[in-house]
Amino acid sequence: MNRKPVPSAGGATTVGPAADLAARGVLVRIVDAIANPVFVKDEQHRLVLVNDAFCRMLGRARADLVGRTDFDLVPAEEASVFQAKDKVVFQTGILHENEESLTDPSGRQHWIVTRKSLVTAFDGSRYLVGVITDITERRQVQGEVELLQRRLTDALENIGEGFVLWDADDRLVRCNPKFLEFFAVSADLMTPGRSFEEILRGAVARGQYAGTATNPEGMIQAVLNRRREAAGSSELLLSDGRWLYVTNRRTSDGGIVGILSDITERKKGELELREANESLTAAMDKLANTERLATIGQVAATVSHELRNPLGAIRNSMALVHQVTAGKQLGIDRALERVDRNIERCTTIITALLEFTHKREIVRTPTAFDAWLGEVLAQCKIPPGIILDRELSAKAEVTIDREHFRQVIVNLVDNAAQALKDPAWNPPADHARRIIVRAQAAGPDLRLSFIDTGPGIPPEVLPRIFEPLFTTKNFGVGLGLPTVRQIVEQHGGRIEVDSAADVGTTFTVWLPRSDDVQPVRRKASGRAAAE
């Protein structure tokens, strides 16, 4: 009766004598059927059994392998490694698994994993059983993957753009040095596994982004809302003045990959180009205005020369007519009044043309502005049905030419009143027709606002309101607002307008509070319009 193998301590196995292995031929065939290379060594490290797969791996016949040691079959350095690990198994009896290299007779190197265990026979003989798994192809693929990873890492670390990858849970996977350079303020927060929101909040708290001081939480929520889309491009301004162009895309597993480029120089170029265009436009406008003023001056001189003398003669003649017809009840009084009014109107137009085309001499006087403005407004003629509100809280002294600046106040109040009385405008019956004049201190400037609740100005008219001789009214010559702007600019200030249909119009005059203070450059906001 055959004896069954009996397990022994330490993982080794004990078998019966060779006589019990009557079915040895069957056992050999079973071992040969195993796809993995299998070998058995005695304590002298000689091969006593190998299967077909082992023979194929080494490219030798079984007869050339049995009885030989590793030193007979592979390079000495490999044989030394094999036998050293064999000794561990013989000494401990513990199953051992090693990853090793093996060179076959053709010189081809294999990477193998060898699982070695100890078997003890009933006669005390010990044998080492080894099962080999060839992992050469796996190692090659792994090597290629590692090479690709090294190349990818090298590429990402040396490109001029920032790179960042977030997983599907919006946690940082990796980023390159350029990305960390862009966000140096928060670079220590860029650790794998940290969430985007946590990094964003830390960066905002450290002032990394421009324009977040007033409402940091609002900025954070806006960024998080946009991030849910995770597609598209945007421009980002950092607190150090750099501009970044950010492109985000979703990955197939739901993550986000971002590419960031420094566009600071491009933005500077765009700004310089815009400023150059604005300067060119301003120069062209100035040239056109200069030519227009020259033309108006020539016309004014001609009109003054050609019309003032005839007007004088007509005025004198009308004075004589008044004397002759006085008290005679001829029924021509109204007709004579119309003639007188039109004579005065022509004289006013000629005077306005001459004054506009001649450089005004500004004689400034320190003025307590609120009190002076109150006196000027008290003298303004406000049509019935219009309310004039005064909000004078500048509490400032300015140096102005009082007579010339009075014209600014009167013209703008009259302009508002005319808008509120426009016969083509039909507001609701309960609509308040109101003019608000507001004076306030604004840093180095005094801000003077003229607000009406009128119909507003059509957008197509707005760009031309300060052009000399441009008017949409059936009276006047279109010099009211150009004269206002001329006087304001001579005082070192500027005028802005804001208007909306059926809401009203606001003229804002910025006036420096002293001769040596330059007005702050501001741009009108909202829908600009004017009367």
Protein backbone atom coordinates (compact mmCIF):
# COMPACT_ATOMS: atom_id res chain seq x y z
CA MET A 1 0.00 0.00 0.00
CA ASN A 2 1.35 3.44 -0.98
CA ARG A 3 2.06 5.88 1.80
CA LYS A 4 0.52 9.37 1.55
CA PRO A 5 2.70 12.49 1.84
CA VAL A 6 2.80 13.77 5.40
CA PRO A 7 3.25 17.53 6.09
CA SER A 8 6.13 18.40 8.39
CA ALA A 9 6.94 21.49 10.41
CA GLY A 10 7.98 24.67 8.60
CA GLY A 11 6.03 24.00 5.40
CA ALA A 12 8.18 21.07 4.22
CA THR A 13 6.56 17.84 2.98
CA THR A 14 7.64 14.23 3.79
CA VAL A 15 7.10 11.45 1.25
CA GLY A 16 7.55 7.64 1.34
CA PRO A 17 10.46 5.74 -0.15
CA ALA A 18 10.98 5.51 -3.85
CA ALA A 19 9.43 2.05 -3.84
CA ASP A 20 6.13 3.72 -2.96
CA LEU A 21 6.30 5.77 -6.15
CA ALA A 22 5.29 2.89 -8.40
CA ALA A 23 3.37 5.36 -10.46
CA ARG A 24 6.44 7.53 -11.05
CA GLY A 25 5.83 7.58 -14.78
CA VAL A 26 2.38 9.01 -14.18
CA LEU A 27 3.85 11.61 -11.83
CA VAL A 28 6.39 12.70 -14.45
CA ARG A 29 3.63 13.10 -17.02
CA ILE A 30 1.61 15.14 -14.55
CA VAL A 31 4.59 17.42 -13.88
CA ASP A 32 5.24 17.79 -17.62
CA ALA A 33 1.64 18.85 -18.08
CA ILE A 34 2.19 21.88 -15.83
CA ALA A 35 2.56 24.99 -17.99
CA ASN A 36 5.01 26.67 -15.62
CA PRO A 37 8.65 25.49 -15.49
CA VAL A 38 9.12 23.08 -12.52
CA PHE A 39 12.38 21.73 -11.07
CA VAL A 40 13.56 19.67 -8.09
CA LYS A 41 17.03 19.99 -6.52
CA ASP A 42 18.83 17.89 -3.96
CA GLU A 43 20.89 19.27 -1.11
CA GLN A 44 23.95 19.44 -3.39
CA HIS A 45 21.90 21.88 -5.56
CA ARG A 46 21.77 19.34 -8.39
CA LEU A 47 18.68 19.08 -10.55
CA VAL A 48 17.00 15.74 -10.02
CA LEU A 49 13.72 16.47 -11.81
CA VAL A 50 12.63 19.02 -14.42
CA ASN A 51 9.52 19.27 -16.56
CA ASP A 52 9.18 20.03 -20.27
CA ALA A 53 8.46 23.71 -19.65
CA PHE A 54 11.74 24.07 -17.73
CA CYS A 55 13.60 22.37 -20.60
CA ARG A 56 12.06 24.76 -23.11
CA MET A 57 12.91 27.80 -21.07
CA LEU A 58 16.60 26.84 -20.90
CA GLY A 59 16.66 25.42 -24.44
CA ARG A 60 18.14 22.07 -23.31
CA ALA A 61 17.10 18.43 -23.26
CA ARG A 62 16.21 16.83 -19.95
CA ALA A 63 19.31 14.64 -20.08
CA ASP A 64 21.47 17.79 -20.33
CA LEU A 65 19.87 19.25 -17.20
CA VAL A 66 19.42 16.47 -14.63
CA GLY A 67 22.47 16.14 -12.38
CA ARG A 68 23.74 19.61 -13.15
CA THR A 69 23.86 22.68 -10.90
CA ASP A 70 23.00 26.28 -11.69
CA PHE A 71 26.68 27.06 -12.28
CA ASP A 72 26.60 24.60 -15.22
CA LEU A 73 23.60 26.29 -16.81
CA VAL A 74 23.58 30.07 -16.21
CA PRO A 75 26.12 32.87 -15.66
CA ALA A 76 27.98 32.60 -12.36
CA GLU A 77 26.49 35.79 -10.88
CA GLU A 78 22.98 34.44 -11.44
CA ALA A 79 23.91 30.95 -10.16
CA SER A 80 25.29 32.49 -6.96
CA VAL A 81 21.99 34.29 -6.36
CA PHE A 82 19.95 31.15 -7.01
CA GLN A 83 22.00 28.95 -4.65
CA ALA A 84 22.03 31.58 -1.90
CA LYS A 85 18.27 31.66 -1.93
CA ASP A 86 18.10 27.86 -2.15
CA LYS A 87 20.19 27.64 1.04
CA VAL A 88 17.64 29.83 2.85
CA VAL A 89 14.90 27.33 2.02
CA PHE A 90 17.06 24.33 3.02
CA GLN A 91 17.99 26.03 6.28
CA THR A 92 14.56 27.29 7.30
CA GLY A 93 12.17 24.96 5.52
CA ILE A 94 9.97 27.98 4.87
CA LEU A 95 8.39 28.57 1.47
CA HIS A 96 10.25 31.33 -0.36
CA GLU A 97 9.28 33.46 -3.37
CA ASN A 98 11.85 35.53 -5.29
CA GLU A 99 11.93 37.78 -8.33
CA GLU A 100 15.12 37.04 -10.28
CA SER A 101 16.74 37.33 -13.67
CA LEU A 102 17.73 34.25 -15.68
CA THR A 103 19.81 34.16 -18.85
CA ASP A 104 19.18 31.28 -21.23
CA PRO A 105 21.90 29.76 -23.46
CA SER A 106 20.99 32.11 -26.32
CA GLY A 107 21.84 35.03 -24.09
CA ARG A 108 18.23 36.17 -23.71
CA GLN A 109 17.45 37.47 -20.26
CA HIS A 110 14.23 36.34 -18.57
CA TRP A 111 12.63 37.90 -15.54
CA ILE A 112 11.14 35.20 -13.36
CA VAL A 113 9.33 34.73 -10.08
CA THR A 114 10.42 31.45 -8.42
CA ARG A 115 8.36 29.84 -5.66
CA LYS A 116 10.58 27.43 -3.68
CA SER A 117 9.53 24.96 -0.97
CA LEU A 118 11.21 22.08 0.89
CA VAL A 119 10.21 18.38 0.61
CA THR A 120 11.64 15.73 2.98
CA ALA A 121 11.59 12.01 2.11
CA PHE A 122 11.03 9.21 4.70
CA ASP A 123 14.67 8.39 4.46
CA GLY A 124 15.52 11.92 5.55
CA SER A 125 16.59 13.11 2.12
CA ARG A 126 15.56 16.72 1.45
CA TYR A 127 14.64 18.23 -1.87
CA LEU A 128 13.87 21.74 -3.02
CA VAL A 129 10.87 22.08 -5.35
CA GLY A 130 10.69 25.16 -7.48
CA VAL A 131 7.90 26.55 -9.69
CA ILE A 132 8.83 29.36 -12.07
CA THR A 133 6.59 32.06 -13.56
CA ASP A 134 8.13 33.93 -16.49
CA ILE A 135 7.26 37.63 -16.09
CA THR A 136 9.55 38.91 -18.84
CA GLU A 137 6.73 40.33 -20.96
CA ARG A 138 5.09 41.85 -17.91
CA ARG A 139 8.37 43.47 -16.91
CA GLN A 140 8.84 44.77 -20.45
CA VAL A 141 5.37 46.30 -20.42
CA GLN A 142 6.00 47.67 -16.95
CA GLY A 143 9.31 49.10 -18.14
CA GLU A 144 7.63 50.73 -21.13
CA VAL A 145 4.96 52.18 -18.87
CA GLU A 146 7.60 53.50 -16.48
CA LEU A 147 9.50 55.00 -19.42
CA LEU A 148 6.36 56.69 -20.68
CA GLN A 149 5.65 57.96 -17.18
CA ARG A 150 9.17 59.35 -16.88
CA ARG A 151 8.86 61.02 -20.26
CA LEU A 152 5.45 62.42 -19.37
CA THR A 153 6.75 63.67 -16.02
CA ASP A 154 9.79 65.21 -17.72
CA ALA A 155 7.57 66.88 -20.33
CA LEU A 156 5.13 68.24 -17.74
CA GLU A 157 7.92 69.56 -15.55
CA ASN A 158 9.64 71.36 -18.42
CA ILE A 159 6.77 72.84 -20.43
CA GLY A 160 6.19 76.56 -20.19
CA GLU A 161 2.52 76.13 -19.19
CA GLY A 162 1.07 75.20 -15.86
CA PHE A 163 -0.53 71.76 -15.65
CA VAL A 164 -2.91 70.46 -13.00
CA LEU A 165 -5.05 67.33 -12.69
CA TRP A 166 -8.00 66.89 -10.32
CA ASP A 167 -9.87 63.63 -9.72
CA ALA A 168 -13.62 63.07 -9.95
CA ASP A 169 -13.99 64.24 -6.33
CA ASP A 170 -12.18 67.49 -7.23
CA ARG A 171 -9.09 66.55 -5.25
CA LEU A 172 -5.60 67.33 -6.46
CA VAL A 173 -3.84 64.47 -8.24
CA ARG A 174 -0.73 66.23 -9.52
CA CYS A 175 0.57 69.53 -10.83
CA ASN A 176 3.81 70.63 -12.41
CA PRO A 177 6.43 73.13 -11.16
CA LYS A 178 5.12 75.87 -13.48
CA PHE A 179 1.70 75.61 -11.87
CA LEU A 180 3.29 75.97 -8.43
CA GLU A 181 5.29 78.94 -9.71
CA PHE A 182 2.11 80.67 -10.88
CA PHE A 183 0.48 80.14 -7.48
CA ALA A 184 3.53 80.58 -5.27
CA VAL A 185 1.40 82.23 -2.57
CA SER A 186 -0.47 78.98 -1.99
CA ALA A 187 2.11 76.45 -3.27
CA ASP A 188 2.38 74.76 0.12
CA LEU A 189 -1.33 73.95 -0.05
CA MET A 190 -0.95 72.04 -3.35
CA THR A 191 -0.65 68.57 -1.88
CA PRO A 192 -2.21 65.50 -3.57
CA GLY A 193 -5.55 64.58 -2.08
CA ARG A 194 -6.45 68.11 -0.97
CA SER A 195 -9.73 69.45 -2.35
CA PHE A 196 -9.95 72.32 -4.80
CA GLU A 197 -12.26 74.30 -2.52
CA GLU A 198 -9.87 73.99 0.43
CA ILE A 199 -6.96 75.20 -1.71
CA LEU A 200 -9.08 78.02 -3.19
CA ARG A 201 -10.18 79.29 0.21
CA GLY A 202 -6.61 79.23 1.49
CA ALA A 203 -5.38 81.12 -1.57
CA VAL A 204 -8.11 83.77 -1.28
CA ALA A 205 -7.35 84.23 2.40
CA ARG A 206 -3.71 84.91 1.47
CA GLY A 207 -4.67 87.51 -1.15
CA GLN A 208 -3.56 85.49 -4.17
CA TYR A 209 -6.21 86.86 -6.54
CA ALA A 210 -6.87 90.45 -7.52
CA GLY A 211 -10.16 92.09 -6.62
CA THR A 212 -11.21 89.73 -3.81
CA ALA A 213 -10.65 91.97 -0.79
CA THR A 214 -14.16 93.47 -0.74
CA ASN A 215 -16.16 90.24 -1.15
CA PRO A 216 -13.96 87.13 -0.83
CA GLU A 217 -16.86 84.73 -0.22
CA GLY A 218 -18.68 86.03 -3.28
CA MET A 219 -15.60 85.40 -5.40
CA ILE A 220 -15.21 81.87 -3.99
CA GLN A 221 -18.84 80.97 -4.74
CA ALA A 222 -18.59 82.41 -8.26
CA VAL A 223 -15.50 80.29 -8.98
CA LEU A 224 -17.12 77.15 -7.57
CA ASN A 225 -20.27 77.73 -9.64
CA ARG A 226 -18.24 78.14 -12.84
CA ARG A 227 -16.19 75.06 -11.94
CA ARG A 228 -19.25 72.82 -12.06
CA GLU A 229 -19.24 73.34 -15.81
CA ALA A 230 -15.51 72.52 -15.91
CA ALA A 231 -15.23 73.36 -19.59
CA GLY A 232 -14.02 76.38 -21.48
CA SER A 233 -11.42 79.07 -21.02
CA SER A 234 -11.10 82.18 -18.93
CA GLU A 235 -8.61 84.87 -17.95
CA LEU A 236 -7.39 85.17 -14.35
CA LEU A 237 -5.70 88.20 -12.78
CA LEU A 238 -3.37 87.52 -9.85
CA SER A 239 -2.62 90.02 -7.12
CA ASP A 240 0.96 90.43 -8.38
CA GLY A 241 -0.34 91.79 -11.70
CA ARG A 242 0.15 88.65 -13.79
CA TRP A 243 -2.56 87.47 -16.15
CA LEU A 244 -3.20 83.74 -16.72
CA TYR A 245 -5.22 82.11 -19.49
CA VAL A 246 -6.91 79.04 -17.99
CA THR A 247 -8.37 76.16 -20.01
CA ASN A 248 -10.25 73.38 -18.17
CA ARG A 249 -11.53 70.12 -19.65
CA ARG A 250 -13.30 67.09 -18.19
CA THR A 251 -11.45 63.77 -18.26
CA SER A 252 -13.14 60.47 -19.13
CA ASP A 253 -13.36 59.48 -15.46
CA GLY A 254 -14.97 62.75 -14.38
CA GLY A 255 -11.85 64.60 -13.29
CA ILE A 256 -10.60 67.97 -14.52
CA VAL A 257 -7.39 68.74 -16.36
CA GLY A 258 -6.24 72.35 -16.51
CA ILE A 259 -3.65 74.13 -18.65
CA LEU A 260 -2.54 77.62 -17.63
CA SER A 261 -0.53 80.07 -19.75
CA ASP A 262 1.04 83.37 -18.70
CA ILE A 263 -0.48 86.05 -20.95
CA THR A 264 0.79 89.05 -19.01
CA GLU A 265 2.87 90.38 -21.89
CA ARG A 266 -0.02 89.93 -24.29
CA LYS A 267 -2.34 91.80 -21.93
CA LYS A 268 0.23 94.57 -21.60
CA GLY A 269 0.46 94.71 -25.38
CA GLU A 270 -3.33 94.86 -25.65
CA LEU A 271 -3.40 97.65 -23.07
CA GLU A 272 -0.69 99.58 -24.87
CA LEU A 273 -2.50 99.10 -28.17
CA ARG A 274 -5.77 100.22 -26.63
CA GLU A 275 -4.10 103.25 -25.10
CA ALA A 276 -2.43 104.03 -28.42
CA ASN A 277 -5.78 103.74 -30.20
CA GLU A 278 -7.41 105.95 -27.59
CA SER A 279 -4.59 108.49 -27.91
CA LEU A 280 -4.90 108.40 -31.70
CA THR A 281 -8.66 108.79 -31.50
CA ALA A 282 -8.29 111.64 -29.03
CA ALA A 283 -5.71 113.30 -31.26
CA MET A 284 -7.96 112.92 -34.29
CA ASP A 285 -10.93 114.24 -32.31
CA LYS A 286 -8.83 117.14 -31.09
CA LEU A 287 -7.68 117.89 -34.62
CA ALA A 288 -11.24 117.67 -35.91
CA ASN A 289 -12.44 119.84 -33.03
CA THR A 290 -9.66 122.33 -33.67
CA GLU A 291 -10.61 122.51 -37.33
CA ARG A 292 -14.27 122.77 -36.39
CA LEU A 293 -13.51 125.57 -33.92
CA ALA A 294 -11.44 127.33 -36.54
CA THR A 295 -14.32 127.11 -38.96
CA ILE A 296 -16.77 128.30 -36.31
CA GLY A 297 -14.39 131.16 -35.51
CA GLN A 298 -14.27 132.20 -39.13
CA VAL A 299 -18.06 131.98 -39.37
CA ALA A 300 -18.44 133.90 -36.11
CA ALA A 301 -16.12 136.64 -37.31
CA THR A 302 -17.96 136.88 -40.62
CA VAL A 303 -21.38 136.81 -38.96
CA SER A 304 -20.27 139.38 -36.40
CA HIS A 305 -18.92 141.67 -39.10
CA GLU A 306 -21.79 141.20 -41.56
CA LEU A 307 -24.71 141.15 -39.11
CA ARG A 308 -23.84 143.34 -36.15
CA ASN A 309 -23.90 146.58 -38.13
CA PRO A 310 -27.24 145.79 -39.82
CA LEU A 311 -28.61 144.64 -36.48
CA GLY A 312 -27.48 147.91 -34.93
CA ALA A 313 -29.23 149.84 -37.66
CA ILE A 314 -32.39 147.78 -37.19
CA ARG A 315 -32.27 148.30 -33.42
CA ASN A 316 -31.89 152.06 -33.85
CA SER A 317 -34.72 152.10 -36.37
CA MET A 318 -36.94 150.15 -34.04
CA ALA A 319 -36.21 152.63 -31.29
CA LEU A 320 -37.44 155.38 -33.60
CA VAL A 321 -40.53 153.37 -34.50
CA HIS A 322 -41.31 152.92 -30.81
CA GLN A 323 -41.05 156.68 -30.29
CA VAL A 324 -43.27 157.50 -33.26
CA THR A 325 -45.96 154.93 -32.45
CA ALA A 326 -45.95 155.33 -28.70
CA GLY A 327 -49.44 155.89 -27.31
CA LYS A 328 -51.20 155.92 -30.71
CA GLN A 329 -52.99 152.58 -30.31
CA LEU A 330 -52.04 151.34 -33.78
CA GLY A 331 -52.28 147.65 -32.79
CA ILE A 332 -48.70 146.86 -33.72
CA ASP A 333 -47.21 146.55 -30.25
CA ARG A 334 -47.02 142.71 -30.31
CA ALA A 335 -45.39 142.77 -33.73
CA LEU A 336 -42.83 145.27 -32.53
CA GLU A 337 -42.10 143.09 -29.48
CA ARG A 338 -41.44 140.08 -31.75
CA VAL A 339 -39.00 142.15 -33.75
CA ASP A 340 -37.22 143.25 -30.59
CA ARG A 341 -37.02 139.65 -29.29
CA ASN A 342 -35.54 138.39 -32.53
CA ILE A 343 -33.01 141.20 -32.59
CA GLU A 344 -31.89 140.17 -29.09
CA ARG A 345 -31.86 136.51 -30.13
CA CYS A 346 -29.57 137.24 -33.07
CA THR A 347 -27.32 139.32 -30.84
CA THR A 348 -27.16 136.48 -28.29
CA ILE A 349 -26.22 133.94 -30.96
CA ILE A 350 -23.47 136.15 -32.34
CA THR A 351 -22.12 136.76 -28.81
CA ALA A 352 -22.23 133.02 -28.01
CA LEU A 353 -20.31 132.16 -31.18
CA LEU A 354 -17.65 134.76 -30.49
CA GLU A 355 -17.27 133.77 -26.83
CA PHE A 356 -17.02 130.07 -27.65
CA THR A 357 -14.31 130.55 -30.27
CA HIS A 358 -12.22 132.93 -28.21
CA LYS A 359 -10.08 131.63 -25.37
CA ARG A 360 -11.59 132.59 -22.07
CA GLU A 361 -9.43 134.20 -19.44
CA ILE A 362 -10.06 132.35 -16.20
CA VAL A 363 -9.73 134.42 -13.04
CA ARG A 364 -10.10 132.11 -10.06
CA THR A 365 -11.22 133.12 -6.60
CA PRO A 366 -11.34 130.92 -3.48
CA THR A 367 -15.01 130.16 -3.01
CA ALA A 368 -17.06 128.47 -0.28
CA PHE A 369 -18.81 126.32 -2.82
CA ASP A 370 -22.02 125.30 -1.02
CA ALA A 371 -23.01 128.87 -0.15
CA TRP A 372 -22.09 130.23 -3.59
CA LEU A 373 -23.96 127.44 -5.38
CA GLY A 374 -27.04 128.05 -3.23
CA GLU A 375 -27.06 131.72 -4.31
CA VAL A 376 -26.73 130.77 -8.00
CA LEU A 377 -29.54 128.23 -7.78
CA ALA A 378 -31.80 130.77 -6.05
CA GLN A 379 -31.47 132.99 -9.11
CA CYS A 380 -32.27 130.21 -11.63
CA LYS A 381 -35.69 130.48 -13.27
CA ILE A 382 -37.46 127.15 -12.77
CA PRO A 383 -40.60 126.59 -14.87
CA PRO A 384 -43.83 125.86 -13.01
CA GLY A 385 -44.43 122.19 -12.21
CA ILE A 386 -40.73 121.40 -11.74
CA ILE A 387 -39.21 120.81 -8.31
CA LEU A 388 -35.62 121.88 -7.67
CA ASP A 389 -33.96 120.02 -4.78
CA ARG A 390 -30.66 121.15 -3.32
CA GLU A 391 -28.32 118.66 -1.60
CA LEU A 392 -25.28 120.76 -0.83
CA SER A 393 -22.89 118.92 1.47
CA ALA A 394 -19.47 119.48 -0.12
CA LYS A 395 -18.29 121.68 2.74
CA ALA A 396 -15.32 122.57 0.62
CA GLU A 397 -13.58 125.64 -0.71
CA VAL A 398 -12.64 125.65 -4.38
CA THR A 399 -10.92 128.17 -6.59
CA ILE A 400 -13.17 129.01 -9.54
CA ASP A 401 -13.96 131.80 -11.92
CA ARG A 402 -17.34 132.53 -10.41
CA GLU A 403 -18.82 134.27 -13.44
CA HIS A 404 -17.80 131.61 -15.91
CA PHE A 405 -18.72 128.73 -13.60
CA ARG A 406 -22.11 130.35 -13.00
CA GLN A 407 -22.72 129.70 -16.71
CA VAL A 408 -22.04 125.98 -16.12
CA ILE A 409 -24.66 125.86 -13.35
CA VAL A 410 -27.27 127.85 -15.27
CA ASN A 411 -26.79 125.91 -18.52
CA LEU A 412 -27.09 122.50 -16.85
CA VAL A 413 -30.16 123.49 -14.81
CA ASP A 414 -31.80 125.00 -17.92
CA ASN A 415 -30.92 121.87 -19.86
CA ALA A 416 -32.64 119.68 -17.25
CA ALA A 417 -35.69 121.93 -17.14
CA GLN A 418 -36.03 121.84 -20.93
CA ALA A 419 -35.88 118.03 -20.85
CA LEU A 420 -38.61 117.88 -18.20
CA LYS A 421 -40.82 120.18 -20.30
CA ASP A 422 -40.23 118.34 -23.59
CA PRO A 423 -43.66 118.38 -25.31
CA ALA A 424 -42.93 115.02 -27.00
CA TRP A 425 -42.61 113.29 -23.60
CA ASN A 426 -45.73 111.93 -21.96
CA PRO A 427 -44.92 110.54 -18.51
CA PRO A 428 -47.61 109.21 -16.13
CA ALA A 429 -49.73 111.90 -14.51
CA ASP A 430 -48.21 111.25 -11.09
CA HIS A 431 -44.61 111.37 -12.34
CA ALA A 432 -42.60 113.93 -10.36
CA ARG A 433 -40.71 116.34 -12.60
CA ARG A 434 -37.69 116.95 -10.43
CA ILE A 435 -34.18 118.41 -10.68
CA ILE A 436 -31.67 117.50 -7.99
CA VAL A 437 -28.44 119.47 -7.66
CA ARG A 438 -26.01 117.65 -5.39
CA ALA A 439 -22.55 118.81 -4.24
CA GLN A 440 -20.27 116.37 -2.43
CA ALA A 441 -16.62 116.04 -1.49
CA ALA A 442 -14.93 113.12 -3.31
CA GLY A 443 -11.31 112.73 -2.30
CA PRO A 444 -9.24 115.45 -3.96
CA ASP A 445 -12.26 116.43 -6.08
CA LEU A 446 -15.61 118.07 -5.64
CA ARG A 447 -18.42 116.11 -7.29
CA LEU A 448 -21.28 118.20 -8.61
CA SER A 449 -24.32 116.29 -9.95
CA PHE A 450 -27.32 117.56 -11.91
CA ILE A 451 -30.03 114.89 -11.87
CA ASP A 452 -33.36 115.10 -13.66
CA THR A 453 -36.27 112.67 -13.84
CA GLY A 454 -36.92 113.40 -17.50
CA PRO A 455 -37.15 111.23 -20.61
CA GLY A 456 -33.45 110.53 -20.99
CA ILE A 457 -31.46 110.88 -24.18
CA PRO A 458 -31.64 108.53 -27.20
CA PRO A 459 -28.47 106.40 -27.48
CA GLU A 460 -27.86 107.58 -31.04
CA VAL A 461 -27.80 111.21 -29.87
CA LEU A 462 -25.54 110.75 -26.85
CA PRO A 463 -22.14 110.55 -28.60
CA ARG A 464 -22.67 113.96 -30.21
CA ILE A 465 -24.05 116.04 -27.35
CA PHE A 466 -20.76 117.90 -26.78
CA GLU A 467 -20.18 118.66 -30.47
CA PRO A 468 -20.32 122.39 -31.21
CA LEU A 469 -23.39 123.36 -33.28
CA PHE A 470 -25.08 119.98 -32.76
CA THR A 471 -28.64 120.25 -31.44
CA THR A 472 -31.91 118.34 -31.60
CA LYS A 473 -33.94 121.35 -30.51
CA ASN A 474 -35.79 123.78 -32.75
CA PHE A 475 -34.07 126.70 -31.07
CA GLY A 476 -30.51 127.58 -30.09
CA VAL A 477 -27.29 126.88 -31.99
CA GLY A 478 -25.94 123.86 -30.06
CA LEU A 479 -23.27 125.60 -27.99
CA GLY A 480 -24.72 125.11 -24.48
CA LEU A 481 -23.11 121.78 -23.53
CA PRO A 482 -19.89 122.40 -25.51
CA THR A 483 -19.51 125.66 -23.58
CA VAL A 484 -20.12 123.84 -20.28
CA ARG A 485 -17.44 121.26 -21.05
CA GLN A 486 -15.05 123.98 -22.20
CA ILE A 487 -15.40 125.90 -18.94
CA VAL A 488 -15.13 122.75 -16.78
CA GLU A 489 -11.96 121.62 -18.57
CA GLN A 490 -10.45 125.09 -18.18
CA HIS A 491 -10.89 124.59 -14.44
CA GLY A 492 -8.97 121.31 -14.62
CA GLY A 493 -12.12 119.19 -14.28
CA ARG A 494 -14.22 116.93 -16.46
CA ILE A 495 -17.87 116.21 -17.09
CA GLU A 496 -19.61 112.82 -17.33
CA VAL A 497 -23.17 111.78 -18.15
CA ASP A 498 -25.41 108.83 -17.37
CA SER A 499 -28.90 108.38 -18.77
CA ALA A 500 -31.73 105.86 -19.14
CA ALA A 501 -34.96 106.15 -21.09
CA ASP A 502 -37.91 107.38 -18.98
CA VAL A 503 -35.67 107.41 -15.90
CA GLY A 504 -33.67 110.56 -16.41
CA THR A 505 -30.24 111.98 -16.96
CA THR A 506 -27.37 112.81 -14.63
CA PHE A 507 -24.54 115.19 -15.46
CA THR A 508 -21.58 114.85 -13.09
CA VAL A 509 -18.87 117.49 -12.91
CA TRP A 510 -15.59 116.53 -11.25
CA LEU A 511 -13.76 119.63 -10.07
CA PRO A 512 -10.36 119.63 -8.30
CA ARG A 513 -10.54 121.41 -4.98
CA SER A 514 -7.20 123.19 -5.44
CA ASP A 515 -5.15 124.42 -8.38
CA ASP A 516 -2.34 121.91 -7.88
CA VAL A 517 -4.54 118.79 -7.51
CA GLN A 518 -5.16 116.78 -10.66
CA PRO A 519 -8.65 115.28 -10.96
CA VAL A 520 -8.92 111.56 -10.60
CA ARG A 521 -9.46 109.79 -13.92
CA ARG A 522 -12.80 108.06 -13.78
CA LYS A 523 -14.99 106.58 -16.46
CA ALA A 524 -18.74 106.99 -16.58
CA SER A 525 -20.63 103.89 -15.57
CA GLY A 526 -24.00 102.64 -16.73
CA ARG A 527 -25.68 103.86 -19.86
CA ALA A 528 -24.13 107.18 -20.70
CA ALA A 529 -26.45 109.84 -22.01
CA ALA A 530 -27.07 113.52 -21.65
CA GLU A 531 -29.37 116.32 -22.61
